[in-house]
C-alpha cells in the first residue's frame, strides 16, 4: 500500500470512541488478556475532553484509510530535568490489526515527532509492555528501526485504582 493513501490528521471531539477502543486493544495486548473491563463512560469522556482541550500539552493524531479510522497516536509534552528540556511522552501508538505493516504506524510516529520537534522537545519517550508480551519482537524492531533506544526499565506505584480487576 502506498503511504499517500493514508491520511494523518489531528483528532477531534468525534474521535473519542475510536481512541478509547484502541487504548483497550493496547491494554489487552500489554496484559495478555482477551477481555478487560471498559473505563466507565463518565471517566472516559472526562479524560478525552481533557486531552482534546489541552492542545498546549497534548497531541492526538488519527490515521484514516478509505475514510475509516485505522490508527492513533497520543502524546503529552512536559518538562524534564533528566533530558535537560521538554520531552514528548508517546502514551499510545496503535494501528488496527488488519492494517499493520503498511506504513501507518510510521506515518503516525512521524507526525508526533514533527509536532514534538516544532514544540521544542528534545526527545520522544515511550514506555513499552513487558518483554515477551504479544507483538514484543515486532514492536522492538519497529522502534529500533526508527532510531529509538531501549534503555532502562519503568517502575510505577499506583496511588489510586487504575482499572477494575483484570481477569
C-alpha atoms as a PDB file:
ATOM      1  CA  UNK A   1       0.000   0.000   0.000  1.00  0.00           C
ATOM      2  CA  UNK A   2       1.262   3.481  -0.770  1.00  0.00           C
ATOM      3  CA  UNK A   3       1.595   5.770   2.189  1.00  0.00           C
ATOM      4  CA  UNK A   4      -0.209   8.616   0.396  1.00  0.00           C
ATOM      5  CA  UNK A   5      -3.416   6.559   0.578  1.00  0.00           C
ATOM      6  CA  UNK A   6      -3.356   7.042   4.346  1.00  0.00           C
ATOM      7  CA  UNK A   7      -4.447  10.365   5.784  1.00  0.00           C
ATOM      8  CA  UNK A   8      -2.965  11.527   9.083  1.00  0.00           C
ATOM      9  CA  UNK A   9      -4.950  14.244  10.826  1.00  0.00           C
ATOM     10  CA  UNK A  10      -5.376  15.830  14.230  1.00  0.00           C
ATOM     11  CA  UNK A  11      -8.035  14.190  16.350  1.00  0.00           C
ATOM     12  CA  UNK A  12     -11.280  15.952  17.100  1.00  0.00           C
ATOM     13  CA  UNK A  13     -14.052  15.506  19.638  1.00  0.00           C
ATOM     14  CA  UNK A  14     -15.781  12.872  17.477  1.00  0.00           C
ATOM     15  CA  UNK A  15     -12.773  10.511  17.593  1.00  0.00           C
ATOM     16  CA  UNK A  16     -13.145   9.673  21.289  1.00  0.00           C
ATOM     17  CA  UNK A  17     -14.840   6.292  20.901  1.00  0.00           C
ATOM     18  CA  UNK A  18     -12.233   5.075  18.398  1.00  0.00           C
ATOM     19  CA  UNK A  19      -9.331   6.225  20.575  1.00  0.00           C
ATOM     20  CA  UNK A  20     -10.756   4.584  23.699  1.00  0.00           C
ATOM     21  CA  UNK A  21     -11.350   1.325  21.802  1.00  0.00           C
ATOM     22  CA  UNK A  22      -7.747   1.462  20.556  1.00  0.00           C
ATOM     23  CA  UNK A  23      -6.468   2.000  24.099  1.00  0.00           C
ATOM     24  CA  UNK A  24      -8.475  -1.016  25.268  1.00  0.00           C
ATOM     25  CA  UNK A  25      -6.942  -3.131  22.494  1.00  0.00           C
ATOM     26  CA  UNK A  26      -3.476  -1.981  23.544  1.00  0.00           C
ATOM     27  CA  UNK A  27      -4.170  -2.879  27.166  1.00  0.00           C
ATOM     28  CA  UNK A  28      -5.314  -6.360  26.116  1.00  0.00           C
ATOM     29  CA  UNK A  29      -2.048  -6.826  24.214  1.00  0.00           C
ATOM     30  CA  UNK A  30       0.042  -5.479  27.090  1.00  0.00           C
ATOM     31  CA  UNK A  31      -1.511  -7.586  29.830  1.00  0.00           C
ATOM     32  CA  UNK A  32      -2.170 -10.640  27.663  1.00  0.00           C
ATOM     33  CA  UNK A  33      -5.909 -10.798  28.310  1.00  0.00           C
ATOM     34  CA  UNK A  34      -8.766 -11.309  25.881  1.00  0.00           C
ATOM     35  CA  UNK A  35     -11.229  -9.192  27.847  1.00  0.00           C
ATOM     36  CA  UNK A  36     -10.754  -6.220  30.110  1.00  0.00           C
ATOM     37  CA  UNK A  37     -13.329  -4.036  31.826  1.00  0.00           C
ATOM     38  CA  UNK A  38     -14.170  -0.870  29.969  1.00  0.00           C
ATOM     39  CA  UNK A  39     -13.498   2.509  31.509  1.00  0.00           C
ATOM     40  CA  UNK A  40     -16.790   3.964  32.817  1.00  0.00           C
ATOM     41  CA  UNK A  41     -18.313   6.384  30.294  1.00  0.00           C
ATOM     42  CA  UNK A  42     -18.144   9.428  32.562  1.00  0.00           C
ATOM     43  CA  UNK A  43     -14.454   8.846  33.303  1.00  0.00           C
ATOM     44  CA  UNK A  44     -13.672   8.176  29.639  1.00  0.00           C
ATOM     45  CA  UNK A  45     -15.463  11.335  28.493  1.00  0.00           C
ATOM     46  CA  UNK A  46     -13.728  13.444  31.123  1.00  0.00           C
ATOM     47  CA  UNK A  47     -10.287  12.125  30.164  1.00  0.00           C
ATOM     48  CA  UNK A  48     -10.996  12.528  26.453  1.00  0.00           C
ATOM     49  CA  UNK A  49     -12.211  16.099  26.880  1.00  0.00           C
ATOM     50  CA  UNK A  50      -9.074  16.907  28.861  1.00  0.00           C
ATOM     51  CA  UNK A  51      -6.840  15.669  26.067  1.00  0.00           C
ATOM     52  CA  UNK A  52      -8.763  17.344  23.263  1.00  0.00           C
ATOM     53  CA  UNK A  53      -8.966  20.691  25.061  1.00  0.00           C
ATOM     54  CA  UNK A  54      -5.320  20.784  26.206  1.00  0.00           C
ATOM     55  CA  UNK A  55      -3.667  21.460  22.857  1.00  0.00           C
ATOM     56  CA  UNK A  56      -0.638  23.065  24.539  1.00  0.00           C
ATOM     57  CA  UNK A  57       0.351  19.886  26.364  1.00  0.00           C
ATOM     58  CA  UNK A  58      -1.075  17.059  24.296  1.00  0.00           C
ATOM     59  CA  UNK A  59      -1.393  15.856  20.723  1.00  0.00           C
ATOM     60  CA  UNK A  60      -3.550  13.178  19.199  1.00  0.00           C
ATOM     61  CA  UNK A  61      -3.270  12.067  15.589  1.00  0.00           C
ATOM     62  CA  UNK A  62      -5.690   9.779  13.756  1.00  0.00           C
ATOM     63  CA  UNK A  63      -4.788   7.664  10.718  1.00  0.00           C
ATOM     64  CA  UNK A  64      -7.530   7.075   8.162  1.00  0.00           C
ATOM     65  CA  UNK A  65      -7.586   4.724   5.194  1.00  0.00           C
ATOM     66  CA  UNK A  66     -10.565   4.631   2.851  1.00  0.00           C
ATOM     67  CA  UNK A  67     -12.351   7.062   5.224  1.00  0.00           C
ATOM     68  CA  UNK A  68     -12.017   4.561   8.074  1.00  0.00           C
ATOM     69  CA  UNK A  69     -10.035   5.166  11.269  1.00  0.00           C
ATOM     70  CA  UNK A  70      -7.174   2.671  11.408  1.00  0.00           C
ATOM     71  CA  UNK A  71      -4.639   4.128  13.846  1.00  0.00           C
ATOM     72  CA  UNK A  72      -3.969   6.601  16.614  1.00  0.00           C
ATOM     73  CA  UNK A  73      -1.024   8.216  18.381  1.00  0.00           C
ATOM     74  CA  UNK A  74      -1.479  10.045  21.691  1.00  0.00           C
ATOM     75  CA  UNK A  75       1.284  12.178  23.191  1.00  0.00           C
ATOM     76  CA  UNK A  76       1.784  14.644  26.018  1.00  0.00           C
ATOM     77  CA  UNK A  77       4.501  17.240  26.444  1.00  0.00           C
ATOM     78  CA  UNK A  78       6.215  18.063  29.715  1.00  0.00           C
ATOM     79  CA  UNK A  79       9.451  19.429  31.122  1.00  0.00           C
ATOM     80  CA  UNK A  80      12.143  17.141  32.482  1.00  0.00           C
ATOM     81  CA  UNK A  81      15.400  17.586  34.315  1.00  0.00           C
ATOM     82  CA  UNK A  82      16.991  14.340  33.131  1.00  0.00           C
ATOM     83  CA  UNK A  83      16.664  15.310  29.441  1.00  0.00           C
ATOM     84  CA  UNK A  84      17.539  18.952  30.143  1.00  0.00           C
ATOM     85  CA  UNK A  85      14.422  20.190  28.428  1.00  0.00           C
ATOM     86  CA  UNK A  86      10.881  19.419  27.396  1.00  0.00           C
ATOM     87  CA  UNK A  87      10.030  15.989  26.035  1.00  0.00           C
ATOM     88  CA  UNK A  88       7.185  14.311  24.243  1.00  0.00           C
ATOM     89  CA  UNK A  89       5.786  11.251  26.007  1.00  0.00           C
ATOM     90  CA  UNK A  90       4.203   8.949  23.436  1.00  0.00           C
ATOM     91  CA  UNK A  91       1.474   7.380  25.557  1.00  0.00           C
ATOM     92  CA  UNK A  92      -0.384   5.363  22.961  1.00  0.00           C
ATOM     93  CA  UNK A  93       0.561   4.302  19.450  1.00  0.00           C
ATOM     94  CA  UNK A  94      -1.798   1.823  17.836  1.00  0.00           C
ATOM     95  CA  UNK A  95      -2.730   0.512  14.394  1.00  0.00           C
ATOM     96  CA  UNK A  96      -5.683  -1.842  13.933  1.00  0.00           C
ATOM     97  CA  UNK A  97      -4.636  -5.455  13.377  1.00  0.00           C
ATOM     98  CA  UNK A  98      -5.721  -5.663   9.736  1.00  0.00           C
ATOM     99  CA  UNK A  99      -3.764  -2.541   8.815  1.00  0.00           C
ATOM    100  CA  UNK A 100      -0.344  -3.210  10.318  1.00  0.00           C
ATOM    101  CA  UNK A 101       2.820  -3.409   8.188  1.00  0.00           C
ATOM    102  CA  UNK A 102       1.501  -0.801   5.742  1.00  0.00           C
ATOM    103  CA  UNK A 103       3.423   2.258   6.962  1.00  0.00           C
ATOM    104  CA  UNK A 104       0.560   3.609   9.069  1.00  0.00           C
ATOM    105  CA  UNK A 105       2.421   3.316  12.370  1.00  0.00           C
ATOM    106  CA  UNK A 106       5.425   5.032  10.782  1.00  0.00           C
ATOM    107  CA  UNK A 107       3.276   7.874   9.462  1.00  0.00           C
ATOM    108  CA  UNK A 108       1.692   8.413  12.887  1.00  0.00           C
ATOM    109  CA  UNK A 109       5.095   8.361  14.575  1.00  0.00           C
ATOM    110  CA  UNK A 110       6.492  10.878  12.083  1.00  0.00           C
ATOM    111  CA  UNK A 111       3.547  13.217  12.755  1.00  0.00           C
ATOM    112  CA  UNK A 112       4.161  13.037  16.514  1.00  0.00           C
ATOM    113  CA  UNK A 113       7.924  13.525  16.100  1.00  0.00           C
ATOM    114  CA  UNK A 114       7.449  16.566  13.848  1.00  0.00           C
ATOM    115  CA  UNK A 115       4.994  18.189  16.229  1.00  0.00           C
ATOM    116  CA  UNK A 116       7.269  17.447  19.201  1.00  0.00           C
ATOM    117  CA  UNK A 117      10.256  18.936  17.390  1.00  0.00           C
ATOM    118  CA  UNK A 118       8.270  22.029  16.421  1.00  0.00           C
ATOM    119  CA  UNK A 119       7.164  22.376  20.066  1.00  0.00           C
ATOM    120  CA  UNK A 120      10.813  22.466  21.170  1.00  0.00           C
ATOM    121  CA  UNK A 121      11.004  18.967  22.627  1.00  0.00           C
ATOM    122  CA  UNK A 122      14.468  17.453  22.934  1.00  0.00           C
ATOM    123  CA  UNK A 123      13.301  13.818  22.885  1.00  0.00           C
ATOM    124  CA  UNK A 124      10.374  11.475  22.412  1.00  0.00           C
ATOM    125  CA  UNK A 125       9.984   8.918  25.172  1.00  0.00           C
ATOM    126  CA  UNK A 126       7.675   5.928  25.367  1.00  0.00           C
ATOM    127  CA  UNK A 127       7.006   3.008  27.635  1.00  0.00           C
ATOM    128  CA  UNK A 128       6.564  -0.471  26.235  1.00  0.00           C
ATOM    129  CA  UNK A 129       4.903  -3.549  27.688  1.00  0.00           C
ATOM    130  CA  UNK A 130       6.917  -6.204  29.449  1.00  0.00           C
ATOM    131  CA  UNK A 131       9.228  -8.330  27.293  1.00  0.00           C
ATOM    132  CA  UNK A 132       7.531 -11.432  25.966  1.00  0.00           C
ATOM    133  CA  UNK A 133       4.077  -9.916  25.583  1.00  0.00           C
ATOM    134  CA  UNK A 134       2.181 -10.226  22.310  1.00  0.00           C
ATOM    135  CA  UNK A 135       3.928  -8.430  19.413  1.00  0.00           C
ATOM    136  CA  UNK A 136       7.046  -7.809  21.535  1.00  0.00           C
ATOM    137  CA  UNK A 137       9.567  -8.666  18.797  1.00  0.00           C
ATOM    138  CA  UNK A 138       7.706  -6.696  16.141  1.00  0.00           C
ATOM    139  CA  UNK A 139       7.318  -3.703  18.447  1.00  0.00           C
ATOM    140  CA  UNK A 140      11.010  -3.650  19.398  1.00  0.00           C
ATOM    141  CA  UNK A 141      12.140  -3.990  15.786  1.00  0.00           C
ATOM    142  CA  UNK A 142       9.789  -1.201  14.673  1.00  0.00           C
ATOM    143  CA  UNK A 143      11.062   1.326  17.216  1.00  0.00           C
ATOM    144  CA  UNK A 144      14.689   0.270  16.764  1.00  0.00           C
ATOM    145  CA  UNK A 145      14.426   0.926  13.010  1.00  0.00           C
ATOM    146  CA  UNK A 146      13.009   4.365  13.840  1.00  0.00           C
ATOM    147  CA  UNK A 147      16.053   5.221  15.965  1.00  0.00           C
ATOM    148  CA  UNK A 148      14.593   4.592  19.420  1.00  0.00           C
ATOM    149  CA  UNK A 149      16.987   3.286  22.044  1.00  0.00           C
ATOM    150  CA  UNK A 150      15.848   0.696  24.583  1.00  0.00           C
ATOM    151  CA  UNK A 151      17.232   1.779  27.916  1.00  0.00           C
ATOM    152  CA  UNK A 152      16.273   1.045  31.486  1.00  0.00           C
ATOM    153  CA  UNK A 153      13.029  -0.124  32.977  1.00  0.00           C
ATOM    154  CA  UNK A 154       9.958   1.575  34.266  1.00  0.00           C
ATOM    155  CA  UNK A 155       8.648   1.249  37.772  1.00  0.00           C
ATOM    156  CA  UNK A 156       5.373   2.586  38.998  1.00  0.00           C
ATOM    157  CA  UNK A 157       3.232   2.546  42.086  1.00  0.00           C
ATOM    158  CA  UNK A 158      -0.491   3.030  41.845  1.00  0.00           C
ATOM    159  CA  UNK A 159      -1.842   5.629  44.230  1.00  0.00           C
ATOM    160  CA  UNK A 160      -5.462   5.074  43.246  1.00  0.00           C
ATOM    161  CA  UNK A 161      -7.148   2.179  41.455  1.00  0.00           C
ATOM    162  CA  UNK A 162      -6.391   2.408  37.745  1.00  0.00           C
ATOM    163  CA  UNK A 163      -8.604  -0.315  36.303  1.00  0.00           C
ATOM    164  CA  UNK A 164     -11.081  -2.693  37.856  1.00  0.00           C
ATOM    165  CA  UNK A 165      -9.675  -6.165  38.423  1.00  0.00           C
ATOM    166  CA  UNK A 166      -8.456  -7.625  35.137  1.00  0.00           C
ATOM    167  CA  UNK A 167      -9.280 -11.304  34.755  1.00  0.00           C
END
